[in-house]
Amino acid sequence: MNFAVMASGNGTNLQAIIKALKSKQIKASLKVVFSDKAGAFALERARKAGVPVAHLDPGQYPSREAFDQAVLDLLKKEGIDFVVLAGYMRILSPLFIEAYRNKIMNIHPSLLPAFKGAHAIKEAYDFGVKVTGVTVHLVDEDVDHGPIIAQAAVEVNPNDTFDMLTEKVHAAEHQLYPYAISLFIRGRVKVSGRKVIV
């Protein structure tokens, strides 16, 4: 199977995916790493690993749909079977989601449906939860909402600083995402309504 990673930032989850590809935990072909940000460090990580990269500037397109159509054209040209979001900070349009229905994965740094949005770790920390975690889910038209493939809990210790918790959550992400991707590749992800049977 061929897949693409879409990232907007540093690309630490991309790095975990590249490591899992090298160790054969993920048995698929990463055909391209795409970013909407020309300076995203994720692109540099991909280049160092010998993975082709692509960038399109959203500002050059008249609408979100037009931009997403251009990205879809690029992915189709590469023969992409499924898409992995790794810190991709744009909300996908219904056009994009329909083109890859139940074939787009995202990772979120909380135990969804708790703490949706861009500041999940900080919100969980400030709320004083005893347990938070990470969620890998399929992407649908609502933000941080699609059917859940896998989750991992992260304990919040009384002496944890925000930075310490962030580090623990990211470490859990780097373990869980390759596992969830490998489940998908092996045909283990079956969607039934909101539930995923693995």
Protein backbone atom coordinates (compact mmCIF):
# COMPACT_ATOMS: atom_id res chain seq x y z
CA MET A 1 0.00 0.00 0.00
CA ASN A 2 1.10 3.55 -0.73
CA PHE A 3 0.56 6.33 1.76
CA ALA A 4 1.28 10.01 2.26
CA VAL A 5 2.07 11.89 5.45
CA MET A 6 0.73 15.44 5.69
CA ALA A 7 2.45 17.70 8.23
CA SER A 8 2.68 21.40 9.02
CA GLY A 9 5.35 21.53 11.70
CA ASN A 10 8.27 19.81 13.38
CA GLY A 11 7.40 16.29 12.30
CA THR A 12 8.25 14.21 15.37
CA ASN A 13 5.41 11.80 14.60
CA LEU A 14 6.71 11.61 11.04
CA GLN A 15 10.10 10.64 12.47
CA ALA A 16 8.46 7.84 14.48
CA ILE A 17 6.72 6.65 11.29
CA ILE A 18 10.00 6.67 9.33
CA LYS A 19 11.64 4.64 12.12
CA ALA A 20 8.76 2.14 12.03
CA LEU A 21 9.12 1.83 8.24
CA LYS A 22 12.83 1.04 8.61
CA SER A 23 12.13 -1.61 11.26
CA LYS A 24 9.32 -3.10 9.12
CA GLN A 25 6.69 -2.44 11.79
CA ILE A 26 4.92 -0.51 9.04
CA LYS A 27 4.95 -2.54 5.83
CA ALA A 28 3.91 0.02 3.25
CA SER A 29 5.49 2.62 0.97
CA LEU A 30 5.68 6.24 2.13
CA LYS A 31 5.47 7.88 -1.29
CA VAL A 32 5.43 11.53 -0.27
CA VAL A 33 5.49 13.90 2.70
CA PHE A 34 3.31 16.92 1.98
CA SER A 35 3.25 20.24 3.82
CA ASP A 36 1.27 23.44 3.51
CA LYS A 37 4.29 25.23 5.07
CA ALA A 38 7.44 25.58 2.97
CA GLY A 39 9.59 25.84 6.09
CA ALA A 40 8.12 22.90 8.00
CA PHE A 41 10.93 20.86 9.58
CA ALA A 42 8.93 17.74 8.70
CA LEU A 43 10.02 18.27 5.09
CA GLU A 44 13.66 18.29 6.17
CA ARG A 45 13.15 15.06 8.13
CA ALA A 46 11.66 13.48 5.01
CA ARG A 47 14.52 14.65 2.80
CA LYS A 48 17.09 13.21 5.23
CA ALA A 49 15.26 9.87 5.08
CA GLY A 50 15.15 9.92 1.29
CA VAL A 51 11.38 10.39 1.13
CA PRO A 52 10.01 12.65 -1.65
CA VAL A 53 8.47 15.90 -0.44
CA ALA A 54 5.83 18.26 -1.80
CA HIS A 55 4.61 21.70 -0.80
CA LEU A 56 1.72 23.83 -1.97
CA ASP A 57 0.95 27.32 -0.67
CA PRO A 58 -2.70 27.67 0.42
CA GLY A 59 -2.45 31.41 -0.24
CA GLN A 60 -2.17 30.72 -3.96
CA TYR A 61 -5.66 29.19 -4.13
CA PRO A 62 -9.02 31.00 -4.06
CA SER A 63 -10.67 28.65 -1.55
CA ARG A 64 -10.05 25.77 0.85
CA GLU A 65 -11.72 23.43 -1.64
CA ALA A 66 -9.49 24.59 -4.49
CA PHE A 67 -6.39 24.02 -2.36
CA ASP A 68 -7.59 20.58 -1.23
CA GLN A 69 -8.36 19.63 -4.84
CA ALA A 70 -4.78 20.50 -5.79
CA VAL A 71 -3.49 18.35 -2.92
CA LEU A 72 -5.80 15.51 -3.98
CA ASP A 73 -4.50 15.75 -7.56
CA LEU A 74 -0.97 15.43 -6.20
CA LEU A 75 -1.89 12.41 -4.04
CA LYS A 76 -3.74 10.67 -6.86
CA LYS A 77 -0.72 11.16 -9.13
CA GLU A 78 1.39 9.38 -6.49
CA GLY A 79 -1.11 6.50 -6.28
CA ILE A 80 -1.84 7.15 -2.59
CA ASP A 81 -4.10 4.57 -0.91
CA PHE A 82 -4.40 6.27 2.49
CA VAL A 83 -3.35 9.46 4.25
CA VAL A 84 -1.68 10.00 7.64
CA LEU A 85 -1.95 13.42 9.29
CA ALA A 86 1.00 14.23 11.54
CA GLY A 87 0.59 17.72 12.92
CA TYR A 88 -1.25 18.95 9.83
CA MET A 89 -2.85 22.17 11.03
CA ARG A 90 -5.41 22.74 8.29
CA ILE A 91 -8.98 21.49 8.58
CA LEU A 92 -9.71 19.22 5.63
CA SER A 93 -12.67 20.11 3.44
CA PRO A 94 -15.56 17.67 2.89
CA LEU A 95 -14.25 17.30 -0.67
CA PHE A 96 -10.95 15.88 0.62
CA ILE A 97 -12.56 13.68 3.27
CA GLU A 98 -14.98 12.17 0.75
CA ALA A 99 -12.11 11.33 -1.61
CA TYR A 100 -10.42 9.28 1.15
CA ARG A 101 -13.40 8.31 3.30
CA ASN A 102 -12.21 6.16 6.26
CA LYS A 103 -8.69 6.28 4.81
CA ILE A 104 -7.38 9.35 6.65
CA MET A 105 -5.81 8.92 10.08
CA ASN A 106 -5.02 11.59 12.64
CA ILE A 107 -3.39 11.53 16.07
CA HIS A 108 -4.61 13.77 18.87
CA PRO A 109 -2.88 14.36 22.24
CA SER A 110 -5.81 13.54 24.52
CA LEU A 111 -8.25 10.75 25.20
CA LEU A 112 -11.00 11.91 22.85
CA PRO A 113 -13.70 13.10 23.16
CA ALA A 114 -12.00 15.00 26.01
CA PHE A 115 -9.93 18.09 25.21
CA LYS A 116 -10.45 18.57 21.49
CA GLY A 117 -8.59 21.28 19.62
CA ALA A 118 -5.08 22.65 19.34
CA HIS A 119 -4.21 23.00 23.05
CA ALA A 120 -5.26 19.60 24.37
CA ILE A 121 -2.24 18.87 26.57
CA LYS A 122 -2.34 22.30 28.23
CA GLU A 123 -6.08 22.06 28.82
CA ALA A 124 -5.79 18.60 30.38
CA TYR A 125 -2.89 19.76 32.55
CA ASP A 126 -4.72 22.91 33.70
CA PHE A 127 -7.89 20.93 34.39
CA GLY A 128 -5.98 18.71 36.80
CA VAL A 129 -6.77 15.33 35.25
CA LYS A 130 -5.07 12.27 36.73
CA VAL A 131 -4.99 10.46 33.38
CA THR A 132 -4.76 11.85 29.86
CA GLY A 133 -3.44 10.18 26.74
CA VAL A 134 -3.43 9.99 22.97
CA THR A 135 -5.98 8.95 20.36
CA VAL A 136 -5.59 7.75 16.78
CA HIS A 137 -8.81 8.22 14.87
CA LEU A 138 -10.20 8.28 11.37
CA VAL A 139 -10.99 11.76 10.09
CA ASP A 140 -14.52 12.86 9.33
CA GLU A 141 -16.13 16.25 8.68
CA ASP A 142 -15.98 17.33 12.36
CA VAL A 143 -12.74 18.27 14.13
CA ASP A 144 -11.22 15.56 16.39
CA HIS A 145 -14.37 13.49 16.02
CA GLY A 146 -14.01 10.49 13.71
CA PRO A 147 -14.14 6.81 14.75
CA ILE A 148 -11.37 5.84 17.17
CA ILE A 149 -8.80 3.24 16.08
CA ALA A 150 -6.63 3.17 19.21
CA GLN A 151 -5.97 5.02 22.45
CA ALA A 152 -3.19 4.99 25.03
CA ALA A 153 -3.42 6.37 28.55
CA VAL A 154 -0.76 8.62 30.09
CA GLU A 155 -0.70 9.04 33.85
CA VAL A 156 -0.35 12.57 35.19
CA ASN A 157 1.82 12.58 38.30
CA PRO A 158 1.40 15.28 40.96
CA ASN A 159 4.95 16.53 40.36
CA ASP A 160 4.65 16.64 36.56
CA THR A 161 5.30 20.03 35.02
CA PHE A 162 3.52 20.92 31.80
CA ASP A 163 6.73 20.25 29.87
CA MET A 164 7.15 16.84 31.53
CA LEU A 165 3.58 15.89 30.65
CA THR A 166 4.04 17.11 27.07
CA GLU A 167 7.11 14.88 26.73
CA LYS A 168 5.21 11.86 28.06
CA VAL A 169 2.26 12.44 25.74
CA HIS A 170 4.54 12.80 22.72
CA ALA A 171 6.38 9.59 23.66
CA ALA A 172 3.01 7.80 23.79
CA GLU A 173 2.11 9.23 20.36
CA HIS A 174 5.32 7.90 18.85
CA GLN A 175 4.47 4.40 20.12
CA LEU A 176 0.76 4.39 19.27
CA TYR A 177 0.75 5.93 15.79
CA PRO A 178 2.96 3.31 14.07
CA TYR A 179 0.92 0.58 15.78
CA ALA A 180 -2.39 2.03 14.53
CA ILE A 181 -1.01 2.53 11.01
CA SER A 182 0.16 -1.10 10.93
CA LEU A 183 -3.34 -2.23 11.98
CA PHE A 184 -4.81 -0.27 9.08
CA ILE A 185 -2.34 -1.70 6.57
CA ARG A 186 -3.12 -5.24 7.71
CA GLY A 187 -6.83 -4.68 7.08
CA ARG A 188 -7.63 -4.83 10.77
CA VAL A 189 -9.56 -1.53 10.91
CA LYS A 190 -13.26 -2.16 10.24
CA VAL A 191 -15.65 0.75 10.69
CA SER A 192 -19.19 0.22 11.95
CA GLY A 193 -20.91 3.53 12.67
CA ARG A 194 -18.83 5.26 15.33
CA LYS A 195 -17.07 2.07 16.33
CA VAL A 196 -13.88 0.59 14.90
CA ILE A 197 -13.45 -3.15 15.22
CA VAL A 198 -9.79 -4.23 15.16
